[in-house]
N, C-alpha and C. Protein backbone atom coordinates (compact mmCIF):
# COMPACT_ATOMS: atom_id res chain seq x y z
N MET A 1 116.46 -0.22 75.58
CA MET A 1 115.79 -1.39 76.08
C MET A 1 115.70 -2.50 75.04
N SER A 2 116.67 -2.54 74.14
CA SER A 2 116.65 -3.55 73.10
C SER A 2 117.13 -4.87 73.69
N GLU A 3 116.34 -5.89 73.49
CA GLU A 3 116.63 -7.19 74.10
C GLU A 3 116.52 -8.24 73.01
N ASP A 4 117.55 -9.09 72.88
CA ASP A 4 117.54 -10.13 71.85
C ASP A 4 116.94 -11.40 72.41
N ARG A 5 116.07 -12.00 71.61
CA ARG A 5 115.49 -13.28 72.01
C ARG A 5 115.42 -14.16 70.77
N ASN A 6 116.17 -15.23 70.77
CA ASN A 6 116.08 -16.19 69.68
C ASN A 6 115.11 -17.28 70.11
N LYS A 7 114.05 -17.42 69.34
CA LYS A 7 113.02 -18.40 69.68
C LYS A 7 112.82 -19.35 68.52
N ARG A 8 112.32 -20.51 68.84
CA ARG A 8 111.92 -21.46 67.81
C ARG A 8 110.45 -21.26 67.54
N ASP A 9 110.13 -21.06 66.29
CA ASP A 9 108.74 -20.90 65.89
C ASP A 9 108.11 -22.28 65.79
N GLY A 10 106.81 -22.33 65.86
CA GLY A 10 106.10 -23.59 65.75
C GLY A 10 106.35 -24.28 64.42
N GLY A 11 106.64 -23.49 63.36
CA GLY A 11 106.90 -24.04 62.04
C GLY A 11 108.28 -24.65 61.92
N GLY A 12 109.17 -24.40 62.90
CA GLY A 12 110.49 -25.00 62.86
C GLY A 12 111.55 -24.08 62.27
N SER A 13 111.23 -22.84 61.94
CA SER A 13 112.21 -21.93 61.40
C SER A 13 112.76 -21.04 62.51
N ASP A 14 114.03 -20.66 62.39
CA ASP A 14 114.64 -19.79 63.39
C ASP A 14 114.17 -18.37 63.17
N LEU A 15 113.58 -17.79 64.19
CA LEU A 15 113.14 -16.41 64.13
C LEU A 15 113.82 -15.62 65.24
N ASP A 16 114.33 -14.44 64.89
CA ASP A 16 114.95 -13.55 65.85
C ASP A 16 113.90 -12.57 66.33
N GLU A 17 113.65 -12.56 67.62
CA GLU A 17 112.63 -11.68 68.20
C GLU A 17 113.32 -10.61 69.03
N ARG A 18 113.11 -9.35 68.68
CA ARG A 18 113.76 -8.24 69.38
C ARG A 18 112.72 -7.29 69.96
N VAL A 19 112.88 -6.97 71.20
CA VAL A 19 112.01 -6.00 71.86
C VAL A 19 112.62 -4.62 71.63
N VAL A 20 111.92 -3.78 70.88
CA VAL A 20 112.42 -2.45 70.55
C VAL A 20 112.16 -1.49 71.70
N PHE A 21 110.98 -1.58 72.30
CA PHE A 21 110.60 -0.59 73.30
C PHE A 21 109.49 -1.15 74.18
N VAL A 22 109.59 -0.89 75.48
CA VAL A 22 108.52 -1.24 76.41
C VAL A 22 108.08 0.05 77.10
N ASN A 23 106.80 0.34 77.06
CA ASN A 23 106.26 1.56 77.66
C ASN A 23 105.37 1.20 78.85
N ARG A 24 105.52 1.96 79.94
CA ARG A 24 104.67 1.76 81.12
C ARG A 24 103.66 2.88 81.18
N CYS A 25 102.41 2.51 81.38
CA CYS A 25 101.33 3.48 81.47
C CYS A 25 100.68 3.32 82.85
N ALA A 26 100.37 4.43 83.49
CA ALA A 26 99.77 4.38 84.83
C ALA A 26 98.35 4.94 84.79
N LYS A 27 97.44 4.23 85.43
CA LYS A 27 96.07 4.69 85.57
C LYS A 27 95.82 4.88 87.07
N VAL A 28 95.39 6.06 87.45
CA VAL A 28 95.16 6.34 88.86
C VAL A 28 93.75 5.90 89.23
N VAL A 29 93.67 5.01 90.21
CA VAL A 29 92.39 4.52 90.70
C VAL A 29 92.32 4.81 92.20
N LYS A 30 91.20 4.46 92.80
CA LYS A 30 90.98 4.78 94.21
C LYS A 30 92.07 4.21 95.13
N GLY A 31 92.53 3.02 94.84
CA GLY A 31 93.53 2.38 95.69
C GLY A 31 94.96 2.78 95.40
N GLY A 32 95.20 3.57 94.38
CA GLY A 32 96.57 3.95 94.01
C GLY A 32 96.72 3.97 92.49
N ARG A 33 97.88 3.51 92.03
CA ARG A 33 98.13 3.49 90.59
C ARG A 33 98.06 2.07 90.07
N ARG A 34 97.47 1.92 88.90
CA ARG A 34 97.42 0.62 88.23
C ARG A 34 98.25 0.74 86.96
N PHE A 35 99.27 -0.12 86.81
CA PHE A 35 100.17 -0.04 85.68
C PHE A 35 99.79 -1.02 84.59
N SER A 36 99.97 -0.58 83.35
CA SER A 36 99.86 -1.48 82.20
C SER A 36 101.07 -1.22 81.30
N PHE A 37 101.35 -2.17 80.43
CA PHE A 37 102.56 -2.09 79.61
C PHE A 37 102.24 -2.32 78.16
N SER A 38 103.00 -1.65 77.29
CA SER A 38 102.90 -1.91 75.85
C SER A 38 104.32 -2.18 75.35
N ALA A 39 104.44 -3.06 74.36
CA ALA A 39 105.74 -3.45 73.83
C ALA A 39 105.72 -3.47 72.31
N VAL A 40 106.79 -2.94 71.72
CA VAL A 40 106.99 -3.00 70.27
C VAL A 40 108.02 -4.10 70.03
N VAL A 41 107.64 -5.11 69.25
CA VAL A 41 108.49 -6.27 69.02
C VAL A 41 108.70 -6.45 67.52
N VAL A 42 109.96 -6.72 67.13
CA VAL A 42 110.30 -6.99 65.73
C VAL A 42 110.75 -8.44 65.61
N VAL A 43 110.23 -9.14 64.61
CA VAL A 43 110.57 -10.55 64.38
C VAL A 43 111.08 -10.70 62.95
N GLY A 44 112.20 -11.42 62.78
CA GLY A 44 112.74 -11.66 61.45
C GLY A 44 113.54 -12.94 61.41
N ASP A 45 113.81 -13.40 60.19
CA ASP A 45 114.56 -14.65 60.03
C ASP A 45 115.97 -14.42 59.48
N HIS A 46 116.41 -13.17 59.36
CA HIS A 46 117.71 -12.80 58.81
C HIS A 46 117.87 -13.27 57.37
N GLY A 47 116.78 -13.61 56.72
CA GLY A 47 116.84 -14.09 55.34
C GLY A 47 115.90 -13.34 54.42
N GLY A 48 115.42 -12.19 54.83
CA GLY A 48 114.56 -11.41 53.96
C GLY A 48 113.12 -11.32 54.42
N ARG A 49 112.79 -11.89 55.57
CA ARG A 49 111.42 -11.78 56.09
C ARG A 49 111.45 -11.06 57.43
N VAL A 50 110.52 -10.10 57.60
CA VAL A 50 110.48 -9.32 58.84
C VAL A 50 109.04 -8.88 59.10
N GLY A 51 108.73 -8.67 60.37
CA GLY A 51 107.42 -8.18 60.77
C GLY A 51 107.53 -7.52 62.13
N PHE A 52 106.55 -6.67 62.45
CA PHE A 52 106.56 -6.03 63.75
C PHE A 52 105.19 -6.17 64.38
N GLY A 53 105.16 -6.12 65.71
CA GLY A 53 103.90 -6.23 66.43
C GLY A 53 103.89 -5.31 67.63
N PHE A 54 102.69 -4.96 68.05
CA PHE A 54 102.49 -4.06 69.19
C PHE A 54 101.58 -4.79 70.15
N GLY A 55 102.07 -5.08 71.35
CA GLY A 55 101.28 -5.81 72.33
C GLY A 55 101.05 -5.01 73.59
N LYS A 56 99.85 -5.12 74.15
CA LYS A 56 99.51 -4.43 75.40
C LYS A 56 99.01 -5.45 76.41
N ALA A 57 99.44 -5.28 77.67
CA ALA A 57 98.98 -6.18 78.74
C ALA A 57 99.31 -5.56 80.09
N ASN A 58 98.86 -6.22 81.15
CA ASN A 58 99.12 -5.74 82.50
C ASN A 58 100.49 -6.19 83.03
N GLU A 59 101.15 -7.08 82.29
CA GLU A 59 102.49 -7.54 82.66
C GLU A 59 103.41 -7.40 81.46
N VAL A 60 104.70 -7.13 81.71
CA VAL A 60 105.66 -6.91 80.63
C VAL A 60 105.81 -8.15 79.76
N SER A 61 105.97 -9.31 80.39
CA SER A 61 106.20 -10.54 79.63
C SER A 61 105.00 -10.87 78.73
N GLU A 62 103.80 -10.61 79.22
CA GLU A 62 102.60 -10.88 78.42
C GLU A 62 102.51 -9.90 77.24
N ALA A 63 102.89 -8.64 77.46
CA ALA A 63 102.88 -7.65 76.37
C ALA A 63 103.89 -8.04 75.29
N ILE A 64 105.06 -8.51 75.70
CA ILE A 64 106.09 -8.94 74.74
C ILE A 64 105.61 -10.16 73.97
N ARG A 65 104.97 -11.12 74.64
CA ARG A 65 104.46 -12.31 73.97
C ARG A 65 103.41 -11.93 72.93
N LYS A 66 102.47 -11.04 73.32
CA LYS A 66 101.42 -10.62 72.39
C LYS A 66 102.02 -9.89 71.19
N GLY A 67 103.00 -9.03 71.44
CA GLY A 67 103.66 -8.32 70.34
C GLY A 67 104.37 -9.28 69.40
N GLY A 68 105.02 -10.30 69.96
CA GLY A 68 105.71 -11.30 69.14
C GLY A 68 104.75 -12.11 68.30
N ASP A 69 103.60 -12.49 68.87
CA ASP A 69 102.59 -13.23 68.11
C ASP A 69 102.06 -12.39 66.96
N CYS A 70 101.79 -11.12 67.22
CA CYS A 70 101.29 -10.21 66.19
C CYS A 70 102.34 -10.03 65.09
N ALA A 71 103.61 -9.92 65.47
CA ALA A 71 104.70 -9.73 64.51
C ALA A 71 104.83 -10.94 63.59
N LYS A 72 104.68 -12.14 64.14
CA LYS A 72 104.80 -13.36 63.33
C LYS A 72 103.68 -13.45 62.30
N LYS A 73 102.49 -12.95 62.65
CA LYS A 73 101.37 -12.98 61.71
C LYS A 73 101.55 -11.97 60.58
N GLU A 74 102.23 -10.86 60.86
CA GLU A 74 102.35 -9.76 59.91
C GLU A 74 103.67 -9.76 59.14
N MET A 75 104.35 -10.89 59.06
CA MET A 75 105.66 -10.91 58.40
C MET A 75 105.53 -10.68 56.89
N MET A 76 106.53 -9.97 56.34
CA MET A 76 106.55 -9.67 54.91
C MET A 76 107.95 -9.94 54.36
N ARG A 77 108.04 -10.07 53.05
CA ARG A 77 109.33 -10.33 52.40
C ARG A 77 109.95 -9.01 51.97
N VAL A 78 111.26 -8.88 52.21
CA VAL A 78 112.02 -7.68 51.84
C VAL A 78 112.84 -8.01 50.59
N LYS A 79 112.74 -7.15 49.59
CA LYS A 79 113.50 -7.35 48.34
C LYS A 79 114.90 -6.77 48.52
N MET A 80 115.91 -7.62 48.28
CA MET A 80 117.30 -7.21 48.46
C MET A 80 118.11 -7.54 47.22
N VAL A 81 119.23 -6.82 47.07
CA VAL A 81 120.21 -7.10 46.02
C VAL A 81 121.49 -7.44 46.76
N GLY A 82 121.82 -8.71 46.83
CA GLY A 82 122.97 -9.14 47.62
C GLY A 82 122.66 -8.94 49.09
N LYS A 83 123.48 -8.09 49.74
CA LYS A 83 123.30 -7.84 51.17
C LYS A 83 122.70 -6.47 51.45
N THR A 84 122.32 -5.73 50.41
CA THR A 84 121.80 -4.39 50.59
C THR A 84 120.45 -4.24 49.90
N ILE A 85 119.89 -3.04 49.95
CA ILE A 85 118.60 -2.77 49.31
C ILE A 85 118.84 -2.29 47.89
N PRO A 86 117.85 -2.42 46.99
CA PRO A 86 118.08 -2.08 45.59
C PRO A 86 118.19 -0.58 45.28
N HIS A 87 117.52 0.28 46.04
CA HIS A 87 117.52 1.71 45.71
C HIS A 87 117.15 2.54 46.93
N ASP A 88 117.31 3.86 46.80
CA ASP A 88 116.93 4.79 47.87
C ASP A 88 115.42 4.76 48.04
N VAL A 89 114.98 4.93 49.28
CA VAL A 89 113.54 4.91 49.54
C VAL A 89 113.25 5.72 50.81
N ILE A 90 112.09 6.37 50.82
CA ILE A 90 111.64 7.11 51.99
C ILE A 90 110.35 6.47 52.47
N GLY A 91 110.30 6.13 53.74
CA GLY A 91 109.10 5.56 54.34
C GLY A 91 108.48 6.56 55.31
N VAL A 92 107.15 6.64 55.30
CA VAL A 92 106.44 7.59 56.15
C VAL A 92 105.36 6.87 56.93
N CYS A 93 105.26 7.18 58.21
CA CYS A 93 104.14 6.74 59.03
C CYS A 93 103.89 7.81 60.08
N ASP A 94 102.74 8.45 60.01
CA ASP A 94 102.41 9.54 60.91
C ASP A 94 103.53 10.58 60.87
N GLY A 95 104.15 10.88 62.01
CA GLY A 95 105.22 11.87 62.05
C GLY A 95 106.59 11.29 61.76
N GLY A 96 106.69 9.98 61.69
CA GLY A 96 107.97 9.33 61.45
C GLY A 96 108.29 9.26 59.97
N ARG A 97 109.46 9.78 59.58
CA ARG A 97 109.94 9.68 58.21
C ARG A 97 111.33 9.07 58.25
N VAL A 98 111.58 8.10 57.37
CA VAL A 98 112.83 7.37 57.37
C VAL A 98 113.39 7.34 55.96
N LEU A 99 114.68 7.62 55.82
CA LEU A 99 115.38 7.53 54.54
C LEU A 99 116.33 6.35 54.60
N LEU A 100 116.24 5.44 53.63
CA LEU A 100 117.14 4.29 53.54
C LEU A 100 117.88 4.35 52.21
N LYS A 101 119.20 4.14 52.26
CA LYS A 101 120.03 4.16 51.05
C LYS A 101 120.87 2.89 51.00
N PRO A 102 121.10 2.35 49.81
CA PRO A 102 122.01 1.20 49.70
C PRO A 102 123.44 1.63 50.03
N ALA A 103 124.23 0.69 50.55
CA ALA A 103 125.62 0.99 50.92
C ALA A 103 126.54 -0.08 50.33
N PRO A 104 127.82 0.26 50.11
CA PRO A 104 128.77 -0.73 49.58
C PRO A 104 129.00 -1.89 50.56
N ASP A 105 129.49 -3.00 50.04
CA ASP A 105 129.77 -4.17 50.87
C ASP A 105 130.72 -3.81 52.00
N GLY A 106 130.43 -4.30 53.19
CA GLY A 106 131.28 -4.09 54.35
C GLY A 106 130.95 -2.84 55.15
N SER A 107 129.97 -2.06 54.70
CA SER A 107 129.62 -0.83 55.41
C SER A 107 128.90 -1.11 56.72
N GLY A 108 128.10 -2.15 56.73
CA GLY A 108 127.31 -2.47 57.91
C GLY A 108 126.03 -1.65 57.93
N ILE A 109 125.29 -1.77 59.02
CA ILE A 109 124.04 -1.04 59.16
C ILE A 109 124.35 0.28 59.88
N ILE A 110 124.24 1.37 59.14
CA ILE A 110 124.47 2.69 59.72
C ILE A 110 123.10 3.30 59.96
N ALA A 111 122.49 2.93 61.05
CA ALA A 111 121.16 3.40 61.42
C ALA A 111 120.98 3.17 62.91
N GLY A 112 120.11 3.94 63.50
CA GLY A 112 119.91 3.80 64.94
C GLY A 112 118.43 3.78 65.28
N GLY A 113 118.15 3.88 66.55
CA GLY A 113 116.76 3.94 67.01
C GLY A 113 115.99 2.69 66.67
N GLY A 114 114.80 2.88 66.14
CA GLY A 114 113.94 1.75 65.80
C GLY A 114 114.26 1.12 64.46
N MET A 115 115.14 1.76 63.66
CA MET A 115 115.48 1.21 62.35
C MET A 115 116.39 0.00 62.43
N ARG A 116 117.38 0.06 63.31
CA ARG A 116 118.39 -1.00 63.38
C ARG A 116 117.80 -2.39 63.64
N PRO A 117 116.92 -2.57 64.65
CA PRO A 117 116.38 -3.92 64.86
C PRO A 117 115.59 -4.44 63.67
N VAL A 118 114.88 -3.56 62.97
CA VAL A 118 114.09 -3.99 61.80
C VAL A 118 115.03 -4.46 60.70
N LEU A 119 116.07 -3.68 60.40
CA LEU A 119 117.00 -4.02 59.32
C LEU A 119 117.81 -5.26 59.65
N GLU A 120 118.24 -5.40 60.92
CA GLU A 120 119.00 -6.60 61.32
C GLU A 120 118.13 -7.84 61.23
N ALA A 121 116.89 -7.76 61.71
CA ALA A 121 116.00 -8.92 61.67
C ALA A 121 115.65 -9.31 60.24
N ALA A 122 115.61 -8.33 59.34
CA ALA A 122 115.29 -8.61 57.94
C ALA A 122 116.46 -9.27 57.22
N GLY A 123 117.68 -9.10 57.73
CA GLY A 123 118.84 -9.70 57.09
C GLY A 123 119.58 -8.73 56.18
N VAL A 124 119.23 -7.45 56.21
CA VAL A 124 119.96 -6.46 55.43
C VAL A 124 121.28 -6.19 56.13
N ARG A 125 122.42 -6.34 55.42
CA ARG A 125 123.72 -6.22 56.06
C ARG A 125 124.34 -4.83 55.85
N ASP A 126 124.15 -4.23 54.68
CA ASP A 126 124.78 -2.96 54.34
C ASP A 126 123.72 -1.96 53.93
N VAL A 127 123.50 -0.94 54.76
CA VAL A 127 122.49 0.08 54.47
C VAL A 127 122.79 1.32 55.29
N ILE A 128 122.40 2.47 54.75
CA ILE A 128 122.51 3.73 55.47
C ILE A 128 121.09 4.21 55.74
N GLY A 129 120.78 4.52 56.99
CA GLY A 129 119.44 4.97 57.36
C GLY A 129 119.49 6.27 58.12
N LYS A 130 118.49 7.10 57.90
CA LYS A 130 118.40 8.38 58.60
C LYS A 130 116.95 8.63 58.97
N SER A 131 116.71 8.92 60.23
CA SER A 131 115.37 9.26 60.69
C SER A 131 115.20 10.76 60.50
N LEU A 132 114.20 11.15 59.69
CA LEU A 132 114.02 12.55 59.34
C LEU A 132 112.95 13.25 60.16
N GLY A 133 112.06 12.49 60.75
CA GLY A 133 110.93 13.10 61.44
C GLY A 133 110.92 12.79 62.91
N SER A 134 109.83 12.24 63.37
CA SER A 134 109.60 11.95 64.78
C SER A 134 110.62 10.94 65.31
N LYS A 135 110.93 11.04 66.58
CA LYS A 135 111.82 10.08 67.22
C LYS A 135 111.05 9.00 67.96
N ASN A 136 109.73 9.03 67.87
CA ASN A 136 108.88 8.01 68.48
C ASN A 136 109.23 6.65 67.86
N ARG A 137 109.69 5.71 68.68
CA ARG A 137 110.21 4.44 68.15
C ARG A 137 109.15 3.61 67.43
N LEU A 138 107.90 3.67 67.86
CA LEU A 138 106.85 2.93 67.17
C LEU A 138 106.67 3.47 65.76
N ASN A 139 106.61 4.79 65.61
CA ASN A 139 106.45 5.39 64.29
C ASN A 139 107.68 5.18 63.41
N VAL A 140 108.87 5.16 64.00
CA VAL A 140 110.09 4.91 63.22
C VAL A 140 110.08 3.46 62.72
N VAL A 141 109.66 2.52 63.55
CA VAL A 141 109.57 1.11 63.12
C VAL A 141 108.54 0.98 61.99
N LYS A 142 107.37 1.60 62.15
CA LYS A 142 106.34 1.55 61.11
C LYS A 142 106.83 2.18 59.81
N ALA A 143 107.55 3.30 59.90
CA ALA A 143 108.06 3.99 58.71
C ALA A 143 109.13 3.13 58.02
N THR A 144 109.95 2.43 58.80
CA THR A 144 110.97 1.55 58.22
C THR A 144 110.32 0.39 57.49
N ILE A 145 109.28 -0.20 58.08
CA ILE A 145 108.54 -1.28 57.42
C ILE A 145 107.90 -0.75 56.13
N ALA A 146 107.33 0.46 56.18
CA ALA A 146 106.71 1.06 54.99
C ALA A 146 107.75 1.28 53.90
N ALA A 147 108.95 1.71 54.28
CA ALA A 147 110.02 1.90 53.30
C ALA A 147 110.43 0.58 52.67
N LEU A 148 110.56 -0.47 53.48
CA LEU A 148 110.96 -1.78 52.95
C LEU A 148 109.88 -2.36 52.03
N GLN A 149 108.61 -2.03 52.28
CA GLN A 149 107.53 -2.51 51.41
C GLN A 149 107.56 -1.84 50.04
N GLN A 150 108.14 -0.65 49.95
CA GLN A 150 108.19 0.09 48.68
C GLN A 150 109.30 -0.40 47.75
N LEU A 151 110.23 -1.19 48.27
CA LEU A 151 111.38 -1.62 47.47
C LEU A 151 110.95 -2.51 46.31
N ARG A 152 111.58 -2.26 45.15
CA ARG A 152 111.34 -3.10 43.97
C ARG A 152 112.68 -3.41 43.31
N THR A 153 112.81 -4.59 42.75
CA THR A 153 114.04 -4.98 42.08
C THR A 153 114.04 -4.42 40.66
N ALA A 154 115.21 -4.44 40.02
CA ALA A 154 115.34 -3.92 38.65
C ALA A 154 114.45 -4.71 37.68
N GLU A 155 114.31 -6.01 37.91
CA GLU A 155 113.49 -6.84 37.03
C GLU A 155 112.01 -6.43 37.12
N GLU A 156 111.54 -6.13 38.32
CA GLU A 156 110.15 -5.71 38.50
C GLU A 156 109.88 -4.37 37.82
N ILE A 157 110.82 -3.45 37.95
CA ILE A 157 110.66 -2.15 37.30
C ILE A 157 110.69 -2.29 35.79
N ALA A 158 111.59 -3.13 35.27
CA ALA A 158 111.67 -3.35 33.82
C ALA A 158 110.40 -4.01 33.29
N ALA A 159 109.82 -4.90 34.07
CA ALA A 159 108.59 -5.59 33.64
C ALA A 159 107.42 -4.62 33.54
N THR A 160 107.35 -3.62 34.42
CA THR A 160 106.25 -2.65 34.36
C THR A 160 106.41 -1.67 33.21
N ARG A 161 107.65 -1.47 32.74
CA ARG A 161 107.89 -0.52 31.65
C ARG A 161 107.63 -1.11 30.28
N THR A 162 107.63 -2.42 30.15
CA THR A 162 107.41 -3.03 28.82
C THR A 162 105.97 -3.34 28.57
């Protein structure tokens, strides 16, 4: 259910908004079933900034809008070396565990599930990803964001050692 949406942000920057997953929940009431929806949305500028949001509403479009608004507020910067990540990293969130490794130029994004939209929106071009734990897409997205937050460049590591 991955859907691409290129939107213009109020600030004037191009942001890529991707719907990773839409979940339908049913509540049984006296008159029948009442449905509500939740959506996991990833937003990025393909230049090193990415964020994710989780929106809930009684309509799909409203859930996606809420998730997109939340994602724009929670954007973070990803540290990259060229088109790839600086080093191997493992991200964990609940049952979701994700392994990310740098890849040579031209490899592309070798990852699936909830990892691919996050890495594409962040602007990472060459990376190898493996989901080690849960297949729940929300937890995989959270684990991928956690892994990207752990990245440090060689200069940052050298500065902490001196």
